[in-house]
C-alpha cells in the first residue's frame, strides 16, 4: 500500500510539473558573436482582417547563405497588432556584413462577411532587403514593417511585402531604459511613442540601473559578472566599467543628488560599495545586513538606507564617513523604500506584512503603519501629489496611499504583478514593469488609465526614464 501511494505521488508531481510553463534559460553573454533583434512595427488599420503565420526568418549573409533566427511569435493577428510593436525574432550571428532578411510564410487567412477564408501563400520566401553589419559583442535592432496594400490579390492569394529599417536616433530627453537580466540586454525605448528604438548588449545579468540625466550616463549593475558598466545614453556605447569583488552580485544602484557618488547594493556579499561616479573608483565598502536588496538615498546625499531582506533589518550608511551608523530590525522583510517629497518620511514595503511602514529617517523611529494588503513588491512616491504608490504581486493592481490620512484611497489596475515603477515628472505618467507578462505599461496618473505598453525581453527587471523623479 505504501509503494502504491509513493508511485501515485511521483506520478502526480510529474503531471503537475508538466503543467508549469518552462522558463527560458538565460542567454550566454556575447563573446565572439553579435546579436540581431527584430521588432515588427505596429500594423495599420488595413491589416485588421488579416492573420498569418511565419514559419521562419533568416538573416542573409552577403554570400547568400542563410542563418535562422529564433522566433518570439509565430502567428500574427492584425487585430492584435494594430498600433502595437511586437518582438518578432532574435539571433546570435557571426560578425560581418548581411544583406537583409528572408521570411517564410506558413499560412494566411482573411476575415470576410462569410467568415475566415484561407489564402494561398507564396512558395518562395519573401525578402526584406537591408544592408547591415553585425559587430562582435554588440546588439543590433532592426524594424520590420508589413505593407498591407496589395497583400491580398484575386481574393485568394497572400502576397506580403516587407521593408526593413535601421534604428533612428531620437531626442535623448524622450528615452527610457529597461534592463533585461535573462537576455543580457538593455532595451532603449521612446517614452512618448512607447516603441523600442534600440538595444544595448551588456555583460551577464543586468539588473539595477541608475540614470545621470545631467551627464547623460546610465550605470548598470551586471549582477552575474560582479561589475558595473557605464553607458553614454547619446550613443549607447559603454564608456567605462568597474569590476567589483568576486561574489558581490550587485543588484541595485542609486546616485546621490549631485551625481558624484554611486551606491551599489551587493546582494551576495552583504556589502555596499561607495563609488566615485566620475572616475568609477570604489572609494569605500561597508558590510550591512543579510541579503541586501535595494537602497534609498536621502536628499542631502549623505545617508543611504539599505533594505536587508534576509535579516529583516535596515542599515543606515554614512556616505561621507563610509561607515554604517545604524542597523536595526524592522517588521517583516524590507524590499524597497522611497522618501516623501520633503524627505521627512521614509516609506518601506516589506515582504511578510500587509503594512506600509512610515519611518522618521532623522531619528530612525517608526511613526506609523498603513495597511496596504499583502504582496507588496514595489513603492514609488508621486512628488507632485505626495501620494504613495505600492505595486502588488497579486490582484493586478497598484494601491494608492494618502499618507496624511494613513489609508489607501484608490487603486490602479495593471496586467500582472507590478515589480518595479518609476514616474516621469514631465508627463505625470507612471511606468510599470510586469515581468511575468514581459510588459512595460505606461499609465496616466491623472486618469489612472493604461495609455500604452511595450513588449519586453526575458527577465525584465528595472525601468528608468529621462525626466523621472
Protein backbone atom coordinates (compact mmCIF):
# COMPACT_ATOMS: atom_id res chain seq x y z
CA UNK A 1 0.00 0.00 0.00
CA UNK A 2 2.86 2.36 0.84
CA UNK A 3 4.56 1.67 -2.52
CA UNK A 4 1.29 2.37 -4.39
CA UNK A 5 0.89 5.68 -2.55
CA UNK A 6 4.51 6.59 -3.32
CA UNK A 7 4.07 5.79 -7.02
CA UNK A 8 0.87 7.85 -7.11
CA UNK A 9 2.61 10.89 -5.57
CA UNK A 10 5.52 10.62 -8.01
CA UNK A 11 3.09 10.42 -10.93
CA UNK A 12 1.10 13.39 -9.62
CA UNK A 13 4.22 15.53 -9.23
CA UNK A 14 5.31 14.58 -12.74
CA UNK A 15 1.96 15.62 -14.19
CA UNK A 16 1.93 18.89 -12.25
CA UNK A 17 5.45 19.70 -13.41
CA UNK A 18 4.26 19.26 -16.97
CA UNK A 19 1.62 21.93 -16.42
CA UNK A 20 4.16 24.59 -15.41
CA UNK A 21 5.49 26.63 -18.35
CA UNK A 22 9.20 26.09 -18.88
CA UNK A 23 11.30 29.13 -18.04
CA UNK A 24 13.59 30.19 -20.84
CA UNK A 25 17.19 29.72 -19.65
CA UNK A 26 19.34 32.87 -19.52
CA UNK A 27 21.22 33.62 -22.73
CA UNK A 28 25.01 33.34 -22.78
CA UNK A 29 27.00 36.56 -22.92
CA UNK A 30 28.18 37.64 -26.36
CA UNK A 31 31.89 36.96 -26.81
CA UNK A 32 32.91 36.34 -30.43
CA UNK A 33 29.38 36.81 -31.79
CA UNK A 34 26.87 39.62 -32.20
CA UNK A 35 23.12 39.70 -31.70
CA UNK A 36 20.29 40.66 -34.05
CA UNK A 37 16.86 41.67 -32.70
CA UNK A 38 13.85 42.14 -34.98
CA UNK A 39 10.76 44.12 -33.98
CA UNK A 40 7.62 44.14 -36.11
CA UNK A 41 6.34 47.69 -36.29
CA UNK A 42 2.67 48.39 -35.45
CA UNK A 43 0.28 47.29 -38.18
CA UNK A 44 -2.08 49.79 -39.80
CA UNK A 45 -5.87 49.57 -39.66
CA UNK A 46 -5.99 47.95 -43.11
CA UNK A 47 -4.35 44.82 -41.68
CA UNK A 48 -7.04 44.18 -39.06
CA UNK A 49 -8.76 41.44 -41.08
CA UNK A 50 -5.52 39.55 -41.77
CA UNK A 51 -3.98 36.67 -39.86
CA UNK A 52 -0.83 34.88 -40.98
CA UNK A 53 1.81 32.55 -39.57
CA UNK A 54 5.55 32.85 -40.05
CA UNK A 55 7.42 29.59 -40.44
CA UNK A 56 10.89 31.05 -40.23
CA UNK A 57 13.00 34.20 -40.52
CA UNK A 58 16.59 34.06 -41.76
CA UNK A 59 19.44 36.54 -41.85
CA UNK A 60 21.07 36.56 -45.32
CA UNK A 61 24.82 36.99 -45.47
CA UNK A 62 26.45 38.74 -48.41
CA UNK A 63 27.46 35.35 -49.88
CA UNK A 64 23.78 34.32 -49.96
CA UNK A 65 23.92 31.84 -47.07
CA UNK A 66 21.10 31.99 -44.54
CA UNK A 67 21.18 31.81 -40.74
CA UNK A 68 17.87 31.06 -38.95
CA UNK A 69 16.65 33.38 -36.22
CA UNK A 70 14.67 32.30 -33.16
CA UNK A 71 11.04 33.36 -33.45
CA UNK A 72 9.39 35.02 -30.45
CA UNK A 73 5.96 34.58 -32.04
CA UNK A 74 4.71 32.51 -34.97
CA UNK A 75 1.18 33.76 -35.62
CA UNK A 76 0.48 37.43 -36.30
CA UNK A 77 -3.06 38.78 -35.99
CA UNK A 78 -3.74 42.17 -37.48
CA UNK A 79 -6.46 42.92 -34.93
CA UNK A 80 -3.99 42.38 -32.06
CA UNK A 81 -1.08 44.32 -33.57
CA UNK A 82 -2.81 47.47 -34.78
CA UNK A 83 -0.84 50.29 -33.19
CA UNK A 84 1.40 47.92 -31.22
CA UNK A 85 5.03 46.95 -31.76
CA UNK A 86 5.92 43.24 -31.46
CA UNK A 87 9.19 41.49 -30.62
CA UNK A 88 9.41 39.10 -33.57
CA UNK A 89 12.78 37.32 -33.65
CA UNK A 90 16.30 37.27 -32.22
CA UNK A 91 19.50 35.53 -33.13
CA UNK A 92 23.19 35.25 -32.29
CA UNK A 93 25.13 35.80 -35.50
CA UNK A 94 28.76 35.79 -36.63
CA UNK A 95 30.21 39.27 -37.17
CA UNK A 96 30.15 40.53 -40.74
CA UNK A 97 28.01 42.05 -43.46
CA UNK A 98 24.45 40.97 -44.24
CA UNK A 99 22.08 41.99 -47.00
CA UNK A 100 18.67 41.53 -45.40
CA UNK A 101 16.10 39.01 -44.16
CA UNK A 102 14.28 36.10 -45.73
CA UNK A 103 10.77 35.40 -44.38
CA UNK A 104 8.89 32.16 -44.96
CA UNK A 105 5.12 32.36 -44.56
CA UNK A 106 3.33 29.19 -43.44
CA UNK A 107 -0.33 30.15 -43.89
CA UNK A 108 -2.60 33.16 -44.11
CA UNK A 109 -6.28 34.00 -43.62
CA UNK A 110 -8.55 36.96 -44.26
CA UNK A 111 -11.79 37.73 -42.45
CA UNK A 112 -14.81 38.20 -44.71
CA UNK A 113 -18.53 38.66 -44.12
CA UNK A 114 -18.96 34.92 -44.53
CA UNK A 115 -16.15 34.07 -42.11
CA UNK A 116 -12.42 33.48 -42.30
CA UNK A 117 -11.03 32.49 -45.70
CA UNK A 118 -7.74 30.61 -46.17
CA UNK A 119 -5.37 32.23 -48.65
CA UNK A 120 -2.71 30.75 -50.89
CA UNK A 121 0.74 31.70 -49.60
CA UNK A 122 3.94 32.15 -51.64
CA UNK A 123 6.06 29.02 -52.02
CA UNK A 124 9.25 31.05 -52.07
CA UNK A 125 10.47 33.11 -49.11
CA UNK A 126 9.70 36.83 -49.07
CA UNK A 127 12.69 39.15 -48.95
CA UNK A 128 13.25 42.23 -46.81
CA UNK A 129 16.43 43.82 -48.18
CA UNK A 130 18.59 46.00 -45.96
CA UNK A 131 22.38 46.02 -45.71
CA UNK A 132 23.51 45.78 -42.08
CA UNK A 133 26.59 44.92 -40.09
CA UNK A 134 26.83 42.55 -37.13
CA UNK A 135 29.58 43.58 -34.73
CA UNK A 136 31.24 41.35 -32.15
CA UNK A 137 29.75 41.71 -28.64
CA UNK A 138 27.14 44.23 -29.78
CA UNK A 139 23.40 44.05 -30.39
CA UNK A 140 21.67 45.44 -33.47
CA UNK A 141 17.94 46.13 -33.53
CA UNK A 142 16.12 46.27 -36.86
CA UNK A 143 12.49 47.14 -37.52
CA UNK A 144 10.31 45.17 -39.92
CA UNK A 145 7.31 46.90 -41.48
CA UNK A 146 4.48 44.97 -43.15
CA UNK A 147 2.71 46.73 -46.02
CA UNK A 148 -0.92 45.54 -46.22
CA UNK A 149 -1.57 47.33 -49.51
CA UNK A 150 -1.93 44.64 -52.17
CA UNK A 151 -1.29 41.85 -49.66
CA UNK A 152 -4.44 40.00 -50.79
CA UNK A 153 -4.74 39.59 -54.57
CA UNK A 154 -7.54 37.97 -56.56
CA UNK A 155 -9.23 37.43 -53.17
CA UNK A 156 -7.33 34.14 -52.79
CA UNK A 157 -3.61 34.91 -52.70
CA UNK A 158 -1.45 36.33 -49.93
CA UNK A 159 1.43 38.33 -51.42
CA UNK A 160 3.08 40.07 -48.47
CA UNK A 161 5.55 42.91 -48.76
CA UNK A 162 8.03 43.86 -46.03
CA UNK A 163 10.58 46.62 -45.53
CA UNK A 164 13.45 46.59 -43.04
CA UNK A 165 14.80 49.70 -41.32
CA UNK A 166 17.75 50.51 -39.08
CA UNK A 167 17.35 52.38 -35.75
CA UNK A 168 16.73 56.11 -35.95
CA UNK A 169 18.15 58.48 -33.37
CA UNK A 170 15.57 60.15 -31.14
CA UNK A 171 15.83 63.07 -28.74
CA UNK A 172 17.67 61.98 -25.61
CA UNK A 173 15.08 63.56 -23.32
CA UNK A 174 12.47 61.17 -24.74
CA UNK A 175 14.36 57.98 -23.97
CA UNK A 176 13.81 55.28 -21.37
CA UNK A 177 15.80 52.16 -20.49
CA UNK A 178 14.80 48.68 -19.30
CA UNK A 179 17.28 46.08 -18.01
CA UNK A 180 16.54 42.51 -19.14
CA UNK A 181 18.57 40.24 -16.87
CA UNK A 182 17.97 36.95 -18.71
CA UNK A 183 18.77 38.25 -22.19
CA UNK A 184 21.76 40.43 -21.22
CA UNK A 185 20.23 43.47 -22.89
CA UNK A 186 19.15 46.98 -22.03
CA UNK A 187 16.18 47.98 -24.18
CA UNK A 188 16.06 51.63 -25.22
CA UNK A 189 12.57 52.98 -25.85
CA UNK A 190 10.81 56.19 -26.84
CA UNK A 191 8.65 57.11 -23.84
CA UNK A 192 6.19 59.10 -25.98
CA UNK A 193 5.55 56.63 -28.82
CA UNK A 194 6.17 53.65 -26.49
CA UNK A 195 8.28 51.80 -29.03
CA UNK A 196 11.66 50.13 -28.63
CA UNK A 197 14.21 52.11 -30.66
CA UNK A 198 17.44 50.25 -29.87
CA UNK A 199 19.10 47.59 -27.71
CA UNK A 200 22.40 47.58 -25.82
CA UNK A 201 24.27 44.33 -25.23
CA UNK A 202 25.66 44.15 -21.68
CA UNK A 203 27.52 41.68 -19.51
CA UNK A 204 25.89 38.74 -17.77
CA UNK A 205 22.68 39.57 -15.88
CA UNK A 206 21.97 43.35 -15.99
CA UNK A 207 19.69 44.44 -13.13
CA UNK A 208 19.71 47.79 -11.34
CA UNK A 209 20.09 51.00 -13.39
CA UNK A 210 21.00 54.48 -12.17
CA UNK A 211 20.47 57.33 -14.63
CA UNK A 212 22.55 60.52 -14.50
CA UNK A 213 20.34 62.85 -16.52
CA UNK A 214 22.72 65.82 -16.40
CA UNK A 215 25.75 63.91 -17.66
CA UNK A 216 23.69 61.59 -19.89
CA UNK A 217 25.12 58.44 -18.35
CA UNK A 218 23.46 55.17 -17.43
CA UNK A 219 25.07 52.96 -14.75
CA UNK A 220 24.06 49.29 -15.00
CA UNK A 221 24.65 46.63 -12.31
CA UNK A 222 25.91 43.50 -14.07
CA UNK A 223 24.97 41.06 -11.34
CA UNK A 224 26.48 37.78 -12.56
CA UNK A 225 29.70 39.42 -13.70
CA UNK A 226 30.17 41.27 -10.37
CA UNK A 227 30.61 44.50 -12.30
CA UNK A 228 29.11 47.90 -13.08
CA UNK A 229 29.04 49.17 -16.65
CA UNK A 230 28.62 52.82 -17.66
CA UNK A 231 26.94 53.80 -20.95
CA UNK A 232 26.71 57.03 -22.90
CA UNK A 233 22.97 57.47 -23.43
CA UNK A 234 23.56 59.54 -26.59
CA UNK A 235 25.46 56.81 -28.43
CA UNK A 236 24.55 53.68 -26.47
CA UNK A 237 28.24 52.80 -26.12
CA UNK A 238 29.95 51.58 -22.95
CA UNK A 239 32.38 54.27 -21.79
CA UNK A 240 33.79 52.59 -18.66
CA UNK A 241 33.30 49.74 -16.22
CA UNK A 242 34.22 48.74 -12.70
CA UNK A 243 34.97 45.20 -11.60
CA UNK A 244 33.78 44.55 -8.05
CA UNK A 245 34.80 41.66 -5.78
CA UNK A 246 34.11 38.10 -6.84
CA UNK A 247 30.72 37.02 -5.49
CA UNK A 248 29.38 40.56 -4.85
CA UNK A 249 26.38 40.25 -7.22
CA UNK A 250 25.43 43.94 -7.45
CA UNK A 251 21.64 44.23 -7.68
CA UNK A 252 20.67 47.88 -7.11
CA UNK A 253 22.31 51.21 -7.89
CA UNK A 254 21.49 54.74 -6.71
CA UNK A 255 23.22 58.04 -7.43
CA UNK A 256 23.45 60.83 -4.87
CA UNK A 257 21.58 64.01 -5.95
CA UNK A 258 24.81 65.71 -7.12
CA UNK A 259 25.60 62.70 -9.33
CA UNK A 260 29.10 62.32 -7.90
CA UNK A 261 28.64 59.23 -5.73
CA UNK A 262 27.21 55.89 -6.82
CA UNK A 263 25.94 53.43 -4.22
CA UNK A 264 25.92 49.74 -5.18
CA UNK A 265 23.97 47.13 -3.20
CA UNK A 266 25.92 43.85 -3.37
CA UNK A 267 23.37 41.15 -2.63
CA UNK A 268 25.55 38.06 -2.19
CA UNK A 269 28.43 39.58 -0.20
CA UNK A 270 26.11 41.57 2.13
CA UNK A 271 28.00 44.76 1.37
CA UNK A 272 27.51 48.21 -0.09
CA UNK A 273 30.11 49.75 -2.40
CA UNK A 274 30.56 53.53 -2.34
CA UNK A 275 31.90 54.58 -5.74
CA UNK A 276 33.21 57.81 -7.23
CA UNK A 277 30.79 58.04 -10.19
CA UNK A 278 33.11 60.20 -12.29
CA UNK A 279 36.30 58.14 -12.06
CA UNK A 280 34.45 54.83 -11.42
CA UNK A 281 36.71 54.01 -8.47
CA UNK A 282 35.45 52.27 -5.33
CA UNK A 283 36.27 54.67 -2.51
CA UNK A 284 34.62 52.70 0.28
CA UNK A 285 32.92 49.44 1.18
CA UNK A 286 30.81 48.61 4.23
CA UNK A 287 29.15 45.47 5.49
CA UNK A 288 25.39 45.61 6.05
CA UNK A 289 22.74 43.02 6.99
CA UNK A 290 21.99 39.77 5.17
CA UNK A 291 20.55 39.74 1.67
CA UNK A 292 20.50 43.47 0.89
CA UNK A 293 18.07 44.10 -1.95
CA UNK A 294 17.70 47.83 -2.53
CA UNK A 295 18.80 51.26 -1.30
CA UNK A 296 17.31 54.76 -0.97
CA UNK A 297 19.50 57.88 -0.63
CA UNK A 298 18.24 60.97 1.21
CA UNK A 299 18.01 64.45 -0.33
CA UNK A 300 21.30 65.57 1.21
CA UNK A 301 23.17 62.71 -0.38
CA UNK A 302 24.86 61.98 2.94
CA UNK A 303 22.93 58.88 4.04
CA UNK A 304 21.85 55.68 2.31
CA UNK A 305 19.15 53.39 3.71
CA UNK A 306 19.75 49.76 2.76
CA UNK A 307 16.96 47.16 2.83
CA UNK A 308 18.38 43.91 4.26
CA UNK A 309 15.67 41.47 3.19
CA UNK A 310 17.04 38.23 4.65
CA UNK A 311 17.86 39.68 8.09
CA UNK A 312 14.67 41.80 8.32
CA UNK A 313 16.65 44.96 9.02
CA UNK A 314 17.63 48.33 7.57
CA UNK A 315 21.19 49.66 7.61
CA UNK A 316 21.89 53.39 7.58
CA UNK A 317 25.15 54.10 5.75
CA UNK A 318 27.01 57.39 6.29
CA UNK A 319 28.32 58.09 2.78
CA UNK A 320 30.76 60.80 3.91
CA UNK A 321 32.38 58.71 6.67
CA UNK A 322 31.83 55.48 4.68
CA UNK A 323 30.58 53.63 7.73
CA UNK A 324 27.36 52.03 8.93
CA UNK A 325 25.91 54.31 11.57
CA UNK A 326 22.98 52.05 12.44
CA UNK A 327 21.44 48.69 11.64
CA UNK A 328 18.07 47.97 13.20
CA UNK A 329 15.42 45.33 12.82
CA UNK A 330 12.04 46.13 11.27
CA UNK A 331 8.74 44.34 10.94
CA UNK A 332 8.89 41.84 8.08
CA UNK A 333 11.49 41.59 5.36
CA UNK A 334 12.05 45.04 3.78
CA UNK A 335 12.11 45.10 -0.03
CA UNK A 336 12.07 48.73 -1.19
CA UNK A 337 11.87 52.23 0.27
CA UNK A 338 11.04 55.70 -1.01
CA UNK A 339 11.29 59.18 0.53
CA UNK A 340 8.46 61.69 0.81
CA UNK A 341 8.84 64.92 -1.25
CA UNK A 342 10.10 66.81 1.82
CA UNK A 343 12.42 63.96 2.80
CA UNK A 344 10.94 63.77 6.31
CA UNK A 345 9.32 60.35 5.86
CA UNK A 346 10.73 57.09 4.58
CA UNK A 347 8.11 54.67 3.26
CA UNK A 348 9.12 51.00 3.45
CA UNK A 349 7.35 47.97 1.99
CA UNK A 350 8.01 44.50 3.36
CA UNK A 351 7.56 41.01 2.02
CA UNK A 352 5.92 39.43 5.06
CA UNK A 353 3.44 42.02 6.35
CA UNK A 354 0.43 43.89 4.89
CA UNK A 355 1.67 47.22 6.23
CA UNK A 356 3.47 50.17 4.71
CA UNK A 357 5.98 51.34 7.33
CA UNK A 358 6.40 55.09 7.78
CA UNK A 359 9.79 55.88 9.36
CA UNK A 360 11.31 59.15 10.57
CA UNK A 361 14.74 58.95 8.88
CA UNK A 362 16.40 61.51 11.17
CA UNK A 363 15.66 59.57 14.37
CA UNK A 364 15.00 56.25 12.63
CA UNK A 365 11.82 55.68 14.57
CA UNK A 366 8.62 54.09 13.35
CA UNK A 367 5.93 56.78 13.06
CA UNK A 368 3.03 54.61 11.96
CA UNK A 369 1.87 51.67 9.89
CA UNK A 370 -0.56 51.95 6.97
CA UNK A 371 -2.46 48.87 5.84
CA UNK A 372 -1.96 48.22 2.10
CA UNK A 373 -2.61 44.46 1.90
CA UNK A 374 -0.27 41.55 1.27
CA UNK A 375 2.09 41.03 -1.64
CA UNK A 376 3.76 44.46 -1.88
CA UNK A 377 6.58 44.39 -4.43
CA UNK A 378 7.45 47.99 -5.27
CA UNK A 379 6.95 51.50 -3.93
CA UNK A 380 7.13 54.95 -5.53
CA UNK A 381 6.18 58.44 -4.34
CA UNK A 382 4.42 60.86 -6.67
CA UNK A 383 6.24 64.10 -5.83
CA UNK A 384 3.55 66.26 -7.43
CA UNK A 385 0.82 64.97 -5.09
CA UNK A 386 2.69 63.32 -2.20
CA UNK A 387 0.73 60.10 -2.76
CA UNK A 388 2.48 56.76 -2.25
CA UNK A 389 2.07 54.06 -4.90
CA UNK A 390 2.52 50.42 -3.86
CA UNK A 391 2.85 47.79 -6.59
CA UNK A 392 1.40 44.39 -5.75
CA UNK A 393 2.28 40.79 -6.51
CA UNK A 394 -1.36 39.69 -6.52
CA UNK A 395 -4.59 41.06 -7.93
CA UNK A 396 -3.12 43.05 -10.80
CA UNK A 397 -3.23 46.38 -9.01
CA UNK A 398 -1.26 49.30 -7.63
CA UNK A 399 -2.50 50.67 -4.31
CA UNK A 400 -2.59 54.47 -3.91
CA UNK A 401 -1.97 55.68 -0.34
CA UNK A 402 -2.70 59.11 1.13
CA UNK A 403 -0.08 59.38 3.92
CA UNK A 404 -1.84 62.25 5.72
CA UNK A 405 -4.91 60.08 6.33
CA UNK A 406 -2.94 56.85 6.85
CA UNK A 407 -5.13 54.90 4.44
CA UNK A 408 -5.26 53.79 0.83
CA UNK A 409 -7.68 55.81 -1.26
CA UNK A 410 -7.66 54.22 -4.72
CA UNK A 411 -6.13 51.56 -6.96
CA UNK A 412 -4.74 51.36 -10.49
CA UNK A 413 -5.41 48.20 -12.48
CA UNK A 414 -2.46 46.62 -14.30
CA UNK A 415 -2.00 43.37 -16.22
CA UNK A 416 0.16 41.49 -13.73
CA UNK A 417 2.50 41.89 -10.76
CA UNK A 418 4.00 45.37 -10.59
CA UNK A 419 7.63 44.56 -9.83
CA UNK A 420 9.18 47.98 -10.45
CA UNK A 421 7.87 51.52 -11.04
CA UNK A 422 9.16 54.94 -11.97
CA UNK A 423 7.41 58.29 -12.58
CA UNK A 424 8.03 60.71 -15.44
CA UNK A 425 7.51 64.14 -13.91
CA UNK A 426 7.34 65.82 -17.34
CA UNK A 427 4.21 63.94 -18.47
CA UNK A 428 3.00 62.90 -14.99
CA UNK A 429 2.93 59.27 -16.10
CA UNK A 430 3.84 56.04 -14.37
CA UNK A 431 5.96 53.31 -15.96
CA UNK A 432 5.44 49.82 -14.53
CA UNK A 433 7.36 46.61 -15.26
CA UNK A 434 5.29 43.41 -15.29
CA UNK A 435 7.96 40.70 -15.68
CA UNK A 436 5.53 37.78 -15.72
CA UNK A 437 3.82 39.26 -18.78
CA UNK A 438 7.05 40.68 -20.26
CA UNK A 439 5.38 44.08 -20.45
CA UNK A 440 6.17 47.70 -19.68
CA UNK A 441 2.98 49.68 -19.14
CA UNK A 442 2.59 53.45 -19.26
CA UNK A 443 -0.18 54.86 -17.05
CA UNK A 444 -1.62 58.36 -16.93
CA UNK A 445 -1.55 59.28 -13.23
CA UNK A 446 -4.41 61.75 -13.60
CA UNK A 447 -6.90 59.41 -15.28
CA UNK A 448 -5.25 56.26 -13.82
CA UNK A 449 -5.64 54.59 -17.20
CA UNK A 450 -3.15 52.49 -19.17
CA UNK A 451 -2.26 54.53 -22.25
CA UNK A 452 0.33 52.25 -23.92
CA UNK A 453 2.55 49.24 -23.40
CA UNK A 454 5.75 47.73 -24.76
CA UNK A 455 6.67 44.08 -25.10
CA UNK A 456 9.94 43.38 -23.28
CA UNK A 457 12.64 40.73 -23.46
CA UNK A 458 13.35 37.94 -20.96
CA UNK A 459 13.94 38.83 -17.32
CA UNK A 460 12.72 42.44 -17.39
CA UNK A 461 13.95 43.93 -14.12
CA UNK A 462 14.07 47.73 -13.86
CA UNK A 463 12.99 50.80 -15.83
CA UNK A 464 14.37 54.35 -15.80
CA UNK A 465 13.35 57.32 -17.97
CA UNK A 466 14.73 60.75 -18.74
CA UNK A 467 12.66 63.20 -16.71
CA UNK A 468 11.96 60.72 -13.91
CA UNK A 469 11.71 61.64 -10.25
